[in-house]
Amino acid sequence: MPTSIRLEPEIEARLDALAARTGRTKAYYLRELIANGLGDLEDYYTAVEVSERIRRGEEKTYPLEEVIRDLGLDD
């Protein structure tokens, strides 16, 4: 699916330099960045959502000592 983005000049210059230095295309590196960074973004926004639910009292939390005890890690 074709997609276009507008990059800051400094970012585009860095991308151009990387592509020239390695012989790969800018599109290759953009695909790599998206594929590798998407999981991080998903994790971040999931953590934000859970943090908000905790703050509102809608998410149960457990003290570390209880988790250690319940998992039998206190040996």
PDB file of N, CA and C in Angstrom:
ATOM      1  N   MET A   1       0.848  -1.165   0.000  1.00  0.00           N
ATOM      2  CA  MET A   1       0.000   0.000   0.000  1.00  0.00           C
ATOM      3  C   MET A   1       0.899   1.235   0.000  1.00  0.00           C
ATOM      4  N   PRO A   2       0.848   2.036  -1.016  1.00  0.00           N
ATOM      5  CA  PRO A   2       1.685   3.235  -1.072  1.00  0.00           C
ATOM      6  C   PRO A   2       1.299   4.234   0.017  1.00  0.00           C
ATOM      7  N   THR A   3       2.312   4.756   0.667  1.00  0.00           N
ATOM      8  CA  THR A   3       2.123   5.752   1.714  1.00  0.00           C
ATOM      9  C   THR A   3       3.216   6.796   1.556  1.00  0.00           C
ATOM     10  N   SER A   4       2.894   8.028   1.814  1.00  0.00           N
ATOM     11  CA  SER A   4       3.935   9.060   1.754  1.00  0.00           C
ATOM     12  C   SER A   4       4.007   9.781   3.088  1.00  0.00           C
ATOM     13  N   ILE A   5       5.213  10.203   3.432  1.00  0.00           N
ATOM     14  CA  ILE A   5       5.429  10.969   4.657  1.00  0.00           C
ATOM     15  C   ILE A   5       6.346  12.135   4.356  1.00  0.00           C
ATOM     16  N   ARG A   6       6.220  13.161   5.157  1.00  0.00           N
ATOM     17  CA  ARG A   6       7.100  14.316   5.023  1.00  0.00           C
ATOM     18  C   ARG A   6       8.085  14.259   6.192  1.00  0.00           C
ATOM     19  N   LEU A   7       9.371  14.264   5.867  1.00  0.00           N
ATOM     20  CA  LEU A   7      10.410  14.190   6.882  1.00  0.00           C
ATOM     21  C   LEU A   7      11.038  15.553   7.110  1.00  0.00           C
ATOM     22  N   GLU A   8      11.484  15.768   8.328  1.00  0.00           N
ATOM     23  CA  GLU A   8      12.284  16.961   8.616  1.00  0.00           C
ATOM     24  C   GLU A   8      13.555  16.882   7.764  1.00  0.00           C
ATOM     25  N   PRO A   9      14.067  18.011   7.287  1.00  0.00           N
ATOM     26  CA  PRO A   9      15.268  17.980   6.441  1.00  0.00           C
ATOM     27  C   PRO A   9      16.452  17.254   7.089  1.00  0.00           C
ATOM     28  N   GLU A  10      16.633  17.441   8.390  1.00  0.00           N
ATOM     29  CA  GLU A  10      17.760  16.785   9.070  1.00  0.00           C
ATOM     30  C   GLU A  10      17.603  15.267   9.054  1.00  0.00           C
ATOM     31  N   ILE A  11      16.380  14.800   9.266  1.00  0.00           N
ATOM     32  CA  ILE A  11      16.119  13.363   9.261  1.00  0.00           C
ATOM     33  C   ILE A  11      16.315  12.802   7.859  1.00  0.00           C
ATOM     34  N   GLU A  12      15.820  13.506   6.876  1.00  0.00           N
ATOM     35  CA  GLU A  12      15.985  13.035   5.502  1.00  0.00           C
ATOM     36  C   GLU A  12      17.458  12.992   5.115  1.00  0.00           C
ATOM     37  N   ALA A  13      18.239  13.963   5.558  1.00  0.00           N
ATOM     38  CA  ALA A  13      19.675  13.965   5.262  1.00  0.00           C
ATOM     39  C   ALA A  13      20.358  12.753   5.892  1.00  0.00           C
ATOM     40  N   ARG A  14      19.976  12.433   7.120  1.00  0.00           N
ATOM     41  CA  ARG A  14      20.549  11.252   7.778  1.00  0.00           C
ATOM     42  C   ARG A  14      20.167   9.982   7.041  1.00  0.00           C
ATOM     43  N   LEU A  15      18.914   9.914   6.616  1.00  0.00           N
ATOM     44  CA  LEU A  15      18.435   8.754   5.876  1.00  0.00           C
ATOM     45  C   LEU A  15      19.153   8.636   4.530  1.00  0.00           C
ATOM     46  N   ASP A  16      19.312   9.757   3.842  1.00  0.00           N
ATOM     47  CA  ASP A  16      20.054   9.772   2.574  1.00  0.00           C
ATOM     48  C   ASP A  16      21.487   9.278   2.770  1.00  0.00           C
ATOM     49  N   ALA A  17      22.130   9.755   3.829  1.00  0.00           N
ATOM     50  CA  ALA A  17      23.519   9.372   4.094  1.00  0.00           C
ATOM     51  C   ALA A  17      23.621   7.878   4.391  1.00  0.00           C
ATOM     52  N   LEU A  18      22.691   7.353   5.184  1.00  0.00           N
ATOM     53  CA  LEU A  18      22.699   5.930   5.500  1.00  0.00           C
ATOM     54  C   LEU A  18      22.498   5.092   4.244  1.00  0.00           C
ATOM     55  N   ALA A  19      21.539   5.499   3.425  1.00  0.00           N
ATOM     56  CA  ALA A  19      21.265   4.767   2.185  1.00  0.00           C
ATOM     57  C   ALA A  19      22.485   4.791   1.260  1.00  0.00           C
ATOM     58  N   ALA A  20      23.130   5.940   1.136  1.00  0.00           N
ATOM     59  CA  ALA A  20      24.308   6.056   0.269  1.00  0.00           C
ATOM     60  C   ALA A  20      25.465   5.219   0.810  1.00  0.00           C
ATOM     61  N   ARG A  21      25.649   5.235   2.120  1.00  0.00           N
ATOM     62  CA  ARG A  21      26.756   4.517   2.740  1.00  0.00           C
ATOM     63  C   ARG A  21      26.584   3.000   2.620  1.00  0.00           C
ATOM     64  N   THR A  22      25.354   2.513   2.639  1.00  0.00           N
ATOM     65  CA  THR A  22      25.113   1.073   2.664  1.00  0.00           C
ATOM     66  C   THR A  22      24.658   0.500   1.326  1.00  0.00           C
ATOM     67  N   GLY A  23      24.280   1.358   0.398  1.00  0.00           N
ATOM     68  CA  GLY A  23      23.806   0.881  -0.893  1.00  0.00           C
ATOM     69  C   GLY A  23      22.374   0.375  -0.873  1.00  0.00           C
ATOM     70  N   ARG A  24      21.668   0.630   0.202  1.00  0.00           N
ATOM     71  CA  ARG A  24      20.253   0.247   0.279  1.00  0.00           C
ATOM     72  C   ARG A  24      19.399   1.484  -0.009  1.00  0.00           C
ATOM     73  N   THR A  25      18.106   1.269  -0.244  1.00  0.00           N
ATOM     74  CA  THR A  25      17.218   2.386  -0.535  1.00  0.00           C
ATOM     75  C   THR A  25      16.685   3.007   0.754  1.00  0.00           C
ATOM     76  N   LYS A  26      16.253   4.241   0.624  1.00  0.00           N
ATOM     77  CA  LYS A  26      15.597   4.896   1.763  1.00  0.00           C
ATOM     78  C   LYS A  26      14.332   4.128   2.143  1.00  0.00           C
ATOM     79  N   ALA A  27      13.614   3.640   1.148  1.00  0.00           N
ATOM     80  CA  ALA A  27      12.390   2.884   1.420  1.00  0.00           C
ATOM     81  C   ALA A  27      12.687   1.646   2.262  1.00  0.00           C
ATOM     82  N   TYR A  28      13.818   0.995   2.007  1.00  0.00           N
ATOM     83  CA  TYR A  28      14.204  -0.168   2.804  1.00  0.00           C
ATOM     84  C   TYR A  28      14.310   0.221   4.269  1.00  0.00           C
ATOM     85  N   TYR A  29      15.028   1.301   4.541  1.00  0.00           N
ATOM     86  CA  TYR A  29      15.218   1.706   5.930  1.00  0.00           C
ATOM     87  C   TYR A  29      13.929   2.199   6.578  1.00  0.00           C
ATOM     88  N   LEU A  30      13.089   2.849   5.825  1.00  0.00           N
ATOM     89  CA  LEU A  30      11.801   3.271   6.383  1.00  0.00           C
ATOM     90  C   LEU A  30      10.954   2.055   6.748  1.00  0.00           C
ATOM     91  N   ARG A  31      10.946   1.034   5.887  1.00  0.00           N
ATOM     92  CA  ARG A  31      10.209  -0.196   6.214  1.00  0.00           C
ATOM     93  C   ARG A  31      10.789  -0.852   7.461  1.00  0.00           C
ATOM     94  N   GLU A  32      12.119  -0.898   7.560  1.00  0.00           N
ATOM     95  CA  GLU A  32      12.773  -1.481   8.737  1.00  0.00           C
ATOM     96  C   GLU A  32      12.410  -0.717  10.006  1.00  0.00           C
ATOM     97  N   LEU A  33      12.456   0.596   9.933  1.00  0.00           N
ATOM     98  CA  LEU A  33      12.119   1.412  11.098  1.00  0.00           C
ATOM     99  C   LEU A  33      10.684   1.193  11.542  1.00  0.00           C
ATOM    100  N   ILE A  34       9.785   1.127  10.596  1.00  0.00           N
ATOM    101  CA  ILE A  34       8.378   0.924  10.939  1.00  0.00           C
ATOM    102  C   ILE A  34       8.171  -0.472  11.523  1.00  0.00           C
ATOM    103  N   ALA A  35       8.720  -1.490  10.867  1.00  0.00           N
ATOM    104  CA  ALA A  35       8.538  -2.860  11.345  1.00  0.00           C
ATOM    105  C   ALA A  35       9.116  -3.035  12.746  1.00  0.00           C
ATOM    106  N   ASN A  36      10.286  -2.467  12.992  1.00  0.00           N
ATOM    107  CA  ASN A  36      10.935  -2.638  14.291  1.00  0.00           C
ATOM    108  C   ASN A  36      10.378  -1.701  15.362  1.00  0.00           C
ATOM    109  N   GLY A  37       9.895  -0.554  14.966  1.00  0.00           N
ATOM    110  CA  GLY A  37       9.412   0.420  15.939  1.00  0.00           C
ATOM    111  C   GLY A  37       7.939   0.288  16.280  1.00  0.00           C
ATOM    112  N   LEU A  38       7.175  -0.368  15.437  1.00  0.00           N
ATOM    113  CA  LEU A  38       5.740  -0.469  15.661  1.00  0.00           C
ATOM    114  C   LEU A  38       5.426  -1.213  16.955  1.00  0.00           C
ATOM    115  N   GLY A  39       6.130  -2.292  17.209  1.00  0.00           N
ATOM    116  CA  GLY A  39       5.926  -3.036  18.451  1.00  0.00           C
ATOM    117  C   GLY A  39       6.212  -2.186  19.680  1.00  0.00           C
ATOM    118  N   ASP A  40       7.265  -1.380  19.610  1.00  0.00           N
ATOM    119  CA  ASP A  40       7.593  -0.493  20.729  1.00  0.00           C
ATOM    120  C   ASP A  40       6.480   0.520  20.966  1.00  0.00           C
ATOM    121  N   LEU A  41       5.950   1.089  19.899  1.00  0.00           N
ATOM    122  CA  LEU A  41       4.855   2.052  20.040  1.00  0.00           C
ATOM    123  C   LEU A  41       3.607   1.395  20.606  1.00  0.00           C
ATOM    124  N   GLU A  42       3.303   0.192  20.131  1.00  0.00           N
ATOM    125  CA  GLU A  42       2.143  -0.529  20.661  1.00  0.00           C
ATOM    126  C   GLU A  42       2.316  -0.804  22.150  1.00  0.00           C
ATOM    127  N   ASP A  43       3.517  -1.245  22.548  1.00  0.00           N
ATOM    128  CA  ASP A  43       3.793  -1.506  23.963  1.00  0.00           C
ATOM    129  C   ASP A  43       3.662  -0.236  24.790  1.00  0.00           C
ATOM    130  N   TYR A  44       4.190   0.868  24.274  1.00  0.00           N
ATOM    131  CA  TYR A  44       4.136   2.139  25.002  1.00  0.00           C
ATOM    132  C   TYR A  44       2.690   2.563  25.250  1.00  0.00           C
ATOM    133  N   TYR A  45       1.870   2.541  24.205  1.00  0.00           N
ATOM    134  CA  TYR A  45       0.498   3.003  24.359  1.00  0.00           C
ATOM    135  C   TYR A  45      -0.350   2.039  25.197  1.00  0.00           C
ATOM    136  N   THR A  46      -0.018   0.751  25.153  1.00  0.00           N
ATOM    137  CA  THR A  46      -0.689  -0.190  26.051  1.00  0.00           C
ATOM    138  C   THR A  46      -0.343   0.140  27.496  1.00  0.00           C
ATOM    139  N   ALA A  47       0.931   0.426  27.756  1.00  0.00           N
ATOM    140  CA  ALA A  47       1.366   0.779  29.114  1.00  0.00           C
ATOM    141  C   ALA A  47       0.685   2.054  29.591  1.00  0.00           C
ATOM    142  N   VAL A  48       0.524   3.033  28.715  1.00  0.00           N
ATOM    143  CA  VAL A  48      -0.164   4.276  29.078  1.00  0.00           C
ATOM    144  C   VAL A  48      -1.619   3.982  29.451  1.00  0.00           C
ATOM    145  N   GLU A  49      -2.280   3.147  28.647  1.00  0.00           N
ATOM    146  CA  GLU A  49      -3.674   2.796  28.930  1.00  0.00           C
ATOM    147  C   GLU A  49      -3.806   2.084  30.275  1.00  0.00           C
ATOM    148  N   VAL A  50      -2.917   1.131  30.540  1.00  0.00           N
ATOM    149  CA  VAL A  50      -2.969   0.398  31.806  1.00  0.00           C
ATOM    150  C   VAL A  50      -2.676   1.341  32.965  1.00  0.00           C
ATOM    151  N   SER A  51      -1.702   2.224  32.802  1.00  0.00           N
ATOM    152  CA  SER A  51      -1.375   3.199  33.852  1.00  0.00           C
ATOM    153  C   SER A  51      -2.577   4.080  34.181  1.00  0.00           C
ATOM    154  N   GLU A  52      -3.298   4.487  33.165  1.00  0.00           N
ATOM    155  CA  GLU A  52      -4.494   5.307  33.384  1.00  0.00           C
ATOM    156  C   GLU A  52      -5.563   4.522  34.138  1.00  0.00           C
ATOM    157  N   ARG A  53      -5.741   3.241  33.774  1.00  0.00           N
ATOM    158  CA  ARG A  53      -6.719   2.416  34.486  1.00  0.00           C
ATOM    159  C   ARG A  53      -6.306   2.216  35.942  1.00  0.00           C
ATOM    160  N   ILE A  54      -5.016   2.053  36.190  1.00  0.00           N
ATOM    161  CA  ILE A  54      -4.516   1.925  37.569  1.00  0.00           C
ATOM    162  C   ILE A  54      -4.797   3.208  38.330  1.00  0.00           C
ATOM    163  N   ARG A  55      -4.493   4.332  37.698  1.00  0.00           N
ATOM    164  CA  ARG A  55      -4.709   5.630  38.349  1.00  0.00           C
ATOM    165  C   ARG A  55      -6.178   5.838  38.717  1.00  0.00           C
ATOM    166  N   ARG A  56      -7.082   5.356  37.858  1.00  0.00           N
ATOM    167  CA  ARG A  56      -8.519   5.499  38.117  1.00  0.00           C
ATOM    168  C   ARG A  56      -9.067   4.411  39.039  1.00  0.00           C
ATOM    169  N   GLY A  57      -8.212   3.472  39.444  1.00  0.00           N
ATOM    170  CA  GLY A  57      -8.646   2.393  40.321  1.00  0.00           C
ATOM    171  C   GLY A  57      -9.397   1.292  39.594  1.00  0.00           C
ATOM    172  N   GLU A  58      -9.262   1.208  38.300  1.00  0.00           N
ATOM    173  CA  GLU A  58      -9.982   0.222  37.502  1.00  0.00           C
ATOM    174  C   GLU A  58      -9.140  -1.029  37.204  1.00  0.00           C
ATOM    175  N   GLU A  59      -7.904  -1.017  37.633  1.00  0.00           N
ATOM    176  CA  GLU A  59      -6.990  -2.130  37.346  1.00  0.00           C
ATOM    177  C   GLU A  59      -6.414  -2.617  38.665  1.00  0.00           C
ATOM    178  N   LYS A  60      -6.480  -3.926  38.897  1.00  0.00           N
ATOM    179  CA  LYS A  60      -5.960  -4.487  40.138  1.00  0.00           C
ATOM    180  C   LYS A  60      -4.439  -4.537  40.080  1.00  0.00           C
ATOM    181  N   THR A  61      -3.808  -4.193  41.178  1.00  0.00           N
ATOM    182  CA  THR A  61      -2.357  -4.286  41.291  1.00  0.00           C
ATOM    183  C   THR A  61      -2.014  -5.206  42.461  1.00  0.00           C
ATOM    184  N   TYR A  62      -0.793  -5.690  42.458  1.00  0.00           N
ATOM    185  CA  TYR A  62      -0.340  -6.616  43.498  1.00  0.00           C
ATOM    186  C   TYR A  62       1.011  -6.162  44.033  1.00  0.00           C
ATOM    187  N   PRO A  63       1.193  -6.200  45.346  1.00  0.00           N
ATOM    188  CA  PRO A  63       2.498  -5.855  45.906  1.00  0.00           C
ATOM    189  C   PRO A  63       3.551  -6.878  45.461  1.00  0.00           C
ATOM    190  N   LEU A  64       4.774  -6.421  45.242  1.00  0.00           N
ATOM    191  CA  LEU A  64       5.851  -7.293  44.792  1.00  0.00           C
ATOM    192  C   LEU A  64       6.049  -8.469  45.743  1.00  0.00           C
ATOM    193  N   GLU A  65       5.985  -8.217  47.032  1.00  0.00           N
ATOM    194  CA  GLU A  65       6.196  -9.283  48.006  1.00  0.00           C
ATOM    195  C   GLU A  65       5.165 -10.399  47.823  1.00  0.00           C
ATOM    196  N   GLU A  66       3.920 -10.029  47.533  1.00  0.00           N
ATOM    197  CA  GLU A  66       2.858 -11.018  47.315  1.00  0.00           C
ATOM    198  C   GLU A  66       3.123 -11.835  46.059  1.00  0.00           C
ATOM    199  N   VAL A  67       3.565 -11.191  44.999  1.00  0.00           N
ATOM    200  CA  VAL A  67       3.858 -11.892  43.749  1.00  0.00           C
ATOM    201  C   VAL A  67       5.004 -12.874  43.963  1.00  0.00           C
ATOM    202  N   ILE A  68       6.055 -12.428  44.645  1.00  0.00           N
ATOM    203  CA  ILE A  68       7.199 -13.299  44.917  1.00  0.00           C
ATOM    204  C   ILE A  68       6.755 -14.514  45.727  1.00  0.00           C
ATOM    205  N   ARG A  69       5.960 -14.280  46.756  1.00  0.00           N
ATOM    206  CA  ARG A  69       5.475 -15.371  47.602  1.00  0.00           C
ATOM    207  C   ARG A  69       4.584 -16.327  46.804  1.00  0.00           C
ATOM    208  N   ASP A  70       3.611 -15.787  46.046  1.00  0.00           N
ATOM    209  CA  ASP A  70       2.657 -16.623  45.319  1.00  0.00           C
ATOM    210  C   ASP A  70       3.333 -17.455  44.224  1.00  0.00           C
ATOM    211  N   LEU A  71       4.425 -16.931  43.655  1.00  0.00           N
ATOM    212  CA  LEU A  71       5.138 -17.666  42.607  1.00  0.00           C
ATOM    213  C   LEU A  71       6.214 -18.584  43.174  1.00  0.00           C
ATOM    214  N   GLY A  72       6.364 -18.570  44.498  1.00  0.00           N
ATOM    215  CA  GLY A  72       7.364 -19.432  45.130  1.00  0.00           C
ATOM    216  C   GLY A  72       8.787 -19.005  44.855  1.00  0.00           C
ATOM    217  N   LEU A  73       8.983 -17.705  44.693  1.00  0.00           N
ATOM    218  CA  LEU A  73      10.314 -17.190  44.376  1.00  0.00           C
ATOM    219  C   LEU A  73      11.071 -16.712  45.615  1.00  0.00           C
ATOM    220  N   ASP A  74      10.490 -16.910  46.783  1.00  0.00           N
ATOM    221  CA  ASP A  74      11.108 -16.385  47.993  1.00  0.00           C
ATOM    222  C   ASP A  74      12.073 -17.373  48.629  1.00  0.00           C
ATOM    223  N   ASP A  75      12.429 -18.416  47.894  1.00  0.00           N
ATOM    224  CA  ASP A  75      13.360 -19.423  48.429  1.00  0.00           C
ATOM    225  C   ASP A  75      14.756 -18.865  48.570  1.00  0.00           C
TER     226      ASP A  75
END
